C-alpha atoms as a PDB file:
ATOM      1  CA  MET A   1      -0.379   0.056   0.067  1.00  0.00           C
ATOM      2  CA  ARG A   2       2.561   2.386   0.598  1.00  0.00           C
ATOM      3  CA  LYS A   3       4.857   1.840  -2.281  1.00  0.00           C
ATOM      4  CA  VAL A   4       1.404   2.384  -4.384  1.00  0.00           C
ATOM      5  CA  PHE A   5       1.020   5.748  -2.456  1.00  0.00           C
ATOM      6  CA  LEU A   6       4.696   6.649  -2.882  1.00  0.00           C
ATOM      7  CA  CYS A   7       4.280   5.571  -6.676  1.00  0.00           C
ATOM      8  CA  LEU A   8       0.929   7.821  -6.853  1.00  0.00           C
ATOM      9  CA  ILE A   9       3.096  11.352  -5.342  1.00  0.00           C
ATOM     10  CA  SER A  10       5.834  10.844  -7.531  1.00  0.00           C
ATOM     11  CA  ILE A  11       3.748  10.811 -10.986  1.00  0.00           C
ATOM     12  CA  LEU A  12       1.855  13.752  -9.683  1.00  0.00           C
ATOM     13  CA  LEU A  13       5.272  15.639  -9.092  1.00  0.00           C
ATOM     14  CA  LEU A  14       6.274  14.666 -12.404  1.00  0.00           C
ATOM     15  CA  PHE A  15       3.469  15.838 -13.909  1.00  0.00           C
ATOM     16  CA  SER A  16       3.045  19.020 -12.069  1.00  0.00           C
ATOM     17  CA  VAL A  17       6.830  20.040 -12.914  1.00  0.00           C
ATOM     18  CA  VAL A  18       7.214  18.736 -16.353  1.00  0.00           C
ATOM     19  CA  PRO A  19       4.514  20.784 -18.672  1.00  0.00           C
ATOM     20  CA  SER A  20       5.497  23.955 -16.505  1.00  0.00           C
ATOM     21  CA  ASN A  21       9.338  23.631 -18.199  1.00  0.00           C
ATOM     22  CA  LEU A  22       7.941  22.765 -21.223  1.00  0.00           C
ATOM     23  CA  PHE A  23       5.414  25.393 -21.980  1.00  0.00           C
ATOM     24  CA  ALA A  24       7.325  27.823 -19.875  1.00  0.00           C
ATOM     25  CA  ALA A  25       8.199  30.763 -22.376  1.00  0.00           C
ATOM     26  CA  ASP A  26      11.961  31.450 -23.462  1.00  0.00           C
ATOM     27  CA  SER A  27      13.434  34.563 -21.310  1.00  0.00           C
ATOM     28  CA  SER A  28      16.174  35.129 -23.681  1.00  0.00           C
ATOM     29  CA  SER A  29      13.890  35.134 -26.837  1.00  0.00           C
ATOM     30  CA  SER A  30      11.478  37.701 -25.080  1.00  0.00           C
ATOM     31  CA  SER A  31      12.332  41.381 -25.538  1.00  0.00           C
ATOM     32  CA  SER A  32      10.344  42.727 -23.123  1.00  0.00           C
ATOM     33  CA  SER A  33      11.801  40.976 -20.386  1.00  0.00           C
ATOM     34  CA  SER A  34      13.421  43.406 -17.621  1.00  0.00           C
ATOM     35  CA  ASN A  35      16.066  42.129 -14.639  1.00  0.00           C
ATOM     36  CA  TYR A  36      15.749  42.817 -11.255  1.00  0.00           C
ATOM     37  CA  ASP A  37      18.771  44.957 -11.724  1.00  0.00           C
ATOM     38  CA  ASP A  38      17.171  47.067 -14.384  1.00  0.00           C
ATOM     39  CA  ILE A  39      14.765  48.548 -11.925  1.00  0.00           C
ATOM     40  CA  LYS A  40      15.451  51.553 -10.034  1.00  0.00           C
ATOM     41  CA  PHE A  41      14.874  50.681  -6.238  1.00  0.00           C
ATOM     42  CA  PRO A  42      15.523  53.880  -3.824  1.00  0.00           C
ATOM     43  CA  GLN A  43      18.698  53.710  -1.771  1.00  0.00           C
ATOM     44  CA  TRP A  44      16.535  53.223   1.386  1.00  0.00           C
ATOM     45  CA  ALA A  45      15.120  50.467   0.054  1.00  0.00           C
ATOM     46  CA  LYS A  46      18.082  48.374  -0.967  1.00  0.00           C
ATOM     47  CA  ASP A  47      19.257  49.416   2.506  1.00  0.00           C
ATOM     48  CA  LEU A  48      16.538  47.784   4.641  1.00  0.00           C
ATOM     49  CA  ARG A  49      15.940  44.844   2.236  1.00  0.00           C
ATOM     50  CA  ARG A  50      19.555  43.804   2.641  1.00  0.00           C
ATOM     51  CA  THR A  51      19.131  44.309   6.476  1.00  0.00           C
ATOM     52  CA  GLU A  52      16.184  42.354   6.598  1.00  0.00           C
ATOM     53  CA  ILE A  53      18.086  39.510   4.744  1.00  0.00           C
ATOM     54  CA  ILE A  54      20.893  39.116   6.857  1.00  0.00           C
ATOM     55  CA  THR A  55      18.708  39.508  10.016  1.00  0.00           C
ATOM     56  CA  PHE A  56      16.248  36.697   8.964  1.00  0.00           C
ATOM     57  CA  GLY A  57      19.271  34.596   7.222  1.00  0.00           C
ATOM     58  CA  SER A  58      21.460  34.518  10.522  1.00  0.00           C
ATOM     59  CA  LEU A  59      18.364  32.985  12.604  1.00  0.00           C
ATOM     60  CA  PRO A  60      19.006  29.856  12.402  1.00  0.00           C
ATOM     61  CA  PHE A  61      22.576  29.836  12.656  1.00  0.00           C
ATOM     62  CA  VAL A  62      22.198  32.348  15.121  1.00  0.00           C
ATOM     63  CA  THR A  63      19.480  29.865  17.350  1.00  0.00           C
ATOM     64  CA  LEU A  64      22.099  27.273  16.796  1.00  0.00           C
ATOM     65  CA  TRP A  65      24.813  28.743  18.665  1.00  0.00           C
ATOM     66  CA  THR A  66      22.837  30.481  21.034  1.00  0.00           C
ATOM     67  CA  THR A  67      21.185  26.956  22.240  1.00  0.00           C
ATOM     68  CA  VAL A  68      25.071  25.673  22.861  1.00  0.00           C
ATOM     69  CA  GLY A  69      25.806  28.672  24.724  1.00  0.00           C
ATOM     70  CA  TYR A  70      22.678  28.808  26.487  1.00  0.00           C
ATOM     71  CA  SER A  71      22.730  25.448  27.434  1.00  0.00           C
ATOM     72  CA  LEU A  72      26.729  25.544  28.331  1.00  0.00           C
ATOM     73  CA  TYR A  73      25.844  28.691  30.375  1.00  0.00           C
ATOM     74  CA  GLN A  74      22.778  27.309  32.446  1.00  0.00           C
ATOM     75  CA  TYR A  75      23.634  23.816  32.880  1.00  0.00           C
ATOM     76  CA  GLY A  76      27.373  23.622  32.143  1.00  0.00           C
ATOM     77  CA  GLU A  77      26.841  20.975  29.714  1.00  0.00           C
ATOM     78  CA  PHE A  78      25.900  20.353  26.336  1.00  0.00           C
ATOM     79  CA  ARG A  79      22.512  19.159  25.380  1.00  0.00           C
ATOM     80  CA  ASN A  80      21.517  18.526  22.151  1.00  0.00           C
ATOM     81  CA  PRO A  81      17.990  20.752  21.067  1.00  0.00           C
ATOM     82  CA  LEU A  82      17.431  18.091  18.359  1.00  0.00           C
ATOM     83  CA  ASP A  83      17.139  15.010  20.669  1.00  0.00           C
ATOM     84  CA  LYS A  84      13.340  13.995  21.124  1.00  0.00           C
ATOM     85  CA  SER A  85      14.084  11.479  23.347  1.00  0.00           C
ATOM     86  CA  THR A  86      14.715  13.367  26.225  1.00  0.00           C
ATOM     87  CA  ASP A  87      13.637  17.122  27.809  1.00  0.00           C
ATOM     88  CA  SER A  88      16.286  19.040  26.793  1.00  0.00           C
ATOM     89  CA  PHE A  89      15.062  22.516  27.546  1.00  0.00           C
ATOM     90  CA  THR A  90      11.987  23.639  29.378  1.00  0.00           C
ATOM     91  CA  GLU A  91       9.552  25.841  27.987  1.00  0.00           C
ATOM     92  CA  ASN A  92      11.064  29.252  29.779  1.00  0.00           C
ATOM     93  CA  ASP A  93      13.993  28.266  28.407  1.00  0.00           C
ATOM     94  CA  GLN A  94      13.515  27.588  24.945  1.00  0.00           C
ATOM     95  CA  TRP A  95      11.689  31.359  25.394  1.00  0.00           C
ATOM     96  CA  ASN A  96      14.772  32.548  26.754  1.00  0.00           C
ATOM     97  CA  ILE A  97      16.888  30.986  23.622  1.00  0.00           C
ATOM     98  CA  ILE A  98      14.450  32.433  21.181  1.00  0.00           C
ATOM     99  CA  LYS A  99      14.132  35.657  22.334  1.00  0.00           C
ATOM    100  CA  ILE A 100      18.598  36.102  23.082  1.00  0.00           C
ATOM    101  CA  SER A 101      18.685  34.703  19.067  1.00  0.00           C
ATOM    102  CA  ALA A 102      16.169  37.291  18.115  1.00  0.00           C
ATOM    103  CA  LEU A 103      17.956  40.229  19.268  1.00  0.00           C
ATOM    104  CA  THR A 104      21.594  38.986  18.546  1.00  0.00           C
ATOM    105  CA  CYS A 105      20.119  38.922  14.580  1.00  0.00           C
ATOM    106  CA  ILE A 106      18.380  42.341  14.713  1.00  0.00           C
ATOM    107  CA  GLY A 107      21.780  43.430  16.211  1.00  0.00           C
ATOM    108  CA  LEU A 108      23.843  42.201  13.645  1.00  0.00           C
ATOM    109  CA  GLY A 109      21.183  43.317  10.558  1.00  0.00           C
ATOM    110  CA  LEU A 110      21.329  46.671  12.294  1.00  0.00           C
ATOM    111  CA  THR A 111      25.188  46.370  12.977  1.00  0.00           C
ATOM    112  CA  ASP A 112      25.134  45.690   8.829  1.00  0.00           C
ATOM    113  CA  LEU A 113      23.320  48.468   7.887  1.00  0.00           C
ATOM    114  CA  ALA A 114      25.209  51.135   9.858  1.00  0.00           C
ATOM    115  CA  ILE A 115      28.149  50.192   8.878  1.00  0.00           C
ATOM    116  CA  ASN A 116      27.242  50.540   5.053  1.00  0.00           C
ATOM    117  CA  LEU A 117      25.514  53.831   5.755  1.00  0.00           C
ATOM    118  CA  ILE A 118      29.367  54.920   7.313  1.00  0.00           C
ATOM    119  CA  THR A 119      31.121  53.313   3.812  1.00  0.00           C
ATOM    120  CA  ARG A 120      28.552  55.097   1.722  1.00  0.00           C
ATOM    121  CA  ALA A 121      28.826  58.539   3.628  1.00  0.00           C
ATOM    122  CA  HIS A 122      32.599  57.966   3.821  1.00  0.00           C
ATOM    123  CA  LYS A 123      32.893  57.182  -0.024  1.00  0.00           C
ATOM    124  CA  GLU A 124      30.578  60.148  -1.265  1.00  0.00           C
ATOM    125  CA  SER A 125      32.397  62.885   1.080  1.00  0.00           C
ATOM    126  CA  LYS A 126      35.637  61.286  -0.737  1.00  0.00           C
ATOM    127  CA  LEU A 127      33.415  62.141  -4.157  1.00  0.00           C
ATOM    128  CA  ARG A 128      32.042  65.535  -3.050  1.00  0.00           C
ATOM    129  CA  LYS A 129      36.090  66.650  -2.353  1.00  0.00           C
ATOM    130  CA  LEU A 130      37.102  65.563  -5.154  1.00  0.00           C
ATOM    131  CA  ARG A 131      34.701  67.496  -7.244  1.00  0.00           C
ATOM    132  CA  GLU A 132      35.455  70.692  -5.362  1.00  0.00           C
ATOM    133  CA  MET A 133      38.859  70.333  -6.603  1.00  0.00           C
ATOM    134  CA  GLN A 134      40.242  71.834  -9.224  1.00  0.00           C
ATOM    135  CA  PRO A 135      40.067  70.443 -12.516  1.00  0.00           C
ATOM    136  CA  PHE A 136      42.778  68.984 -13.919  1.00  0.00           C
ATOM    137  CA  THR A 137      44.070  66.980 -16.904  1.00  0.00           C
ATOM    138  CA  ILE A 138      45.842  63.838 -17.468  1.00  0.00           C
ATOM    139  CA  THR A 139      48.323  63.720 -20.394  1.00  0.00           C
ATOM    140  CA  PRO A 140      49.151  60.217 -21.462  1.00  0.00           C
ATOM    141  CA  ALA A 141      52.887  60.005 -21.738  1.00  0.00           C
ATOM    142  CA  LYS A 142      53.266  59.005 -25.532  1.00  0.00           C
ATOM    143  CA  ASP A 143      51.283  62.833 -26.212  1.00  0.00           C
ATOM    144  CA  LEU A 144      53.980  64.512 -24.150  1.00  0.00           C
ATOM    145  CA  THR A 145      56.398  66.269 -26.625  1.00  0.00           C
ATOM    146  CA  PRO A 146      60.086  67.342 -25.366  1.00  0.00           C
ATOM    147  CA  PRO A 147      60.543  70.964 -24.830  1.00  0.00           C
ATOM    148  CA  LYS A 148      61.116  72.784 -27.887  1.00  0.00           C
ATOM    149  CA  MET A 149      64.982  74.033 -28.481  1.00  0.00           C
ATOM    150  CA  LYS A 150      65.483  77.177 -29.930  1.00  0.00           C
ATOM    151  CA  GLU A 151      67.440  77.847 -32.487  1.00  0.00           C
ATOM    152  CA  GLY A 152      71.473  77.371 -32.510  1.00  0.00           C
ATOM    153  CA  GLU A 153      70.801  76.289 -28.538  1.00  0.00           C
ATOM    154  CA  SER A 154      72.825  73.033 -27.074  1.00  0.00           C
ATOM    155  CA  ASP A 155      70.889  70.226 -25.084  1.00  0.00           C
ATOM    156  CA  LYS A 156      72.712  71.675 -22.365  1.00  0.00           C
ATOM    157  CA  GLU A 157      71.998  75.350 -22.715  1.00  0.00           C
ATOM    158  CA  ALA A 158      67.779  73.979 -23.361  1.00  0.00           C
ATOM    159  CA  GLU A 159      68.228  72.097 -20.088  1.00  0.00           C
ATOM    160  CA  GLU A 160      69.084  75.125 -17.843  1.00  0.00           C
ATOM    161  CA  ARG A 161      66.645  77.458 -19.282  1.00  0.00           C
ATOM    162  CA  ILE A 162      63.805  74.487 -18.773  1.00  0.00           C
ATOM    163  CA  LYS A 163      65.049  74.519 -15.110  1.00  0.00           C
ATOM    164  CA  GLN A 164      65.366  78.303 -14.643  1.00  0.00           C
ATOM    165  CA  GLU A 165      61.700  78.261 -16.384  1.00  0.00           C
ATOM    166  CA  LYS A 166      60.796  75.760 -13.571  1.00  0.00           C
ATOM    167  CA  GLU A 167      62.148  77.955 -10.761  1.00  0.00           C
ATOM    168  CA  MET A 168      60.146  80.729 -12.034  1.00  0.00           C
ATOM    169  CA  ASP A 169      57.315  78.655 -12.075  1.00  0.00           C
ATOM    170  CA  SER A 170      57.513  77.419  -8.487  1.00  0.00           C
ATOM    171  CA  LYS A 171      58.457  80.843  -6.927  1.00  0.00           C
ATOM    172  CA  THR A 172      55.099  82.581  -8.788  1.00  0.00           C
ATOM    173  CA  LYS A 173      53.351  79.728  -7.357  1.00  0.00           C
ATOM    174  CA  ASN A 174      54.887  80.402  -3.747  1.00  0.00           C
ATOM    175  CA  GLU A 175      54.026  84.263  -3.934  1.00  0.00           C
ATOM    176  CA  PHE A 176      50.206  83.104  -4.859  1.00  0.00           C
ATOM    177  CA  PHE A 177      50.340  80.705  -1.641  1.00  0.00           C
ATOM    178  CA  LEU A 178      51.804  83.479   0.621  1.00  0.00           C
ATOM    179  CA  GLU A 179      49.247  86.359  -0.888  1.00  0.00           C
ATOM    180  CA  GLY A 180      46.395  83.873  -0.423  1.00  0.00           C
ATOM    181  CA  VAL A 181      47.386  83.034   3.279  1.00  0.00           C
ATOM    182  CA  GLU A 182      47.978  86.686   4.036  1.00  0.00           C
ATOM    183  CA  SER A 183      44.287  87.565   2.408  1.00  0.00           C
ATOM    184  CA  ALA A 184      42.888  84.797   4.553  1.00  0.00           C
ATOM    185  CA  ILE A 185      44.780  85.686   8.019  1.00  0.00           C
ATOM    186  CA  PHE A 186      44.177  89.378   7.517  1.00  0.00           C
END
C-alpha cells in the first residue's frame, strides 16, 4: 500500500513539473523582459532589504549557537536541542533562547546597516571633495612632446633654460600661496 502511495505522489509531482518546463517562455527570446537590477529602487529600499536578509538569514545559525551557549552557561553541559528522546530544555529555556537569538539577529542586521551607511557616506564625502577640487587634465605620456629647443641652442643650454623656467614657475606658485595665506589671515 505504501509503495502505491509513493508511486502516485511521484507521478503527480512529475506531471506537475514537466509541463511547466515544456511550455515556459524562453526569457532570452522575449524582448520585453527586464532584470531585477534594471529596476531603479531607491537606496533606502535596497538597504532595508539587505538588513532584512541578513537579519532573517542569520536566524538559524544564531539560534543554533545560542542554544549551545545557553546550555553550556545554564547547565554547564551540552544539551542537544535536536534530541527528541529527552526533555533537554524547559519551555522557559526555549523562550529565552528565542529571545536571545532574535535580539542577536536584529543586532547583526542593524550593525551591517550602520557599517554600510557609514562607508557610503565616507565614499560620497571623498567624491564631493574631489569634485570641489580644481579640475585637472591627465595627459598620456605618448602625447607629451619634449621641450622645444631654440635655434642654435645646445642640449645643455636647453636643460638650463628649462630649469630656470621651472624655478620661476615654483616662485610664482609660492608667491600666490603666500598672498592667499595673507588674505585669509587679514
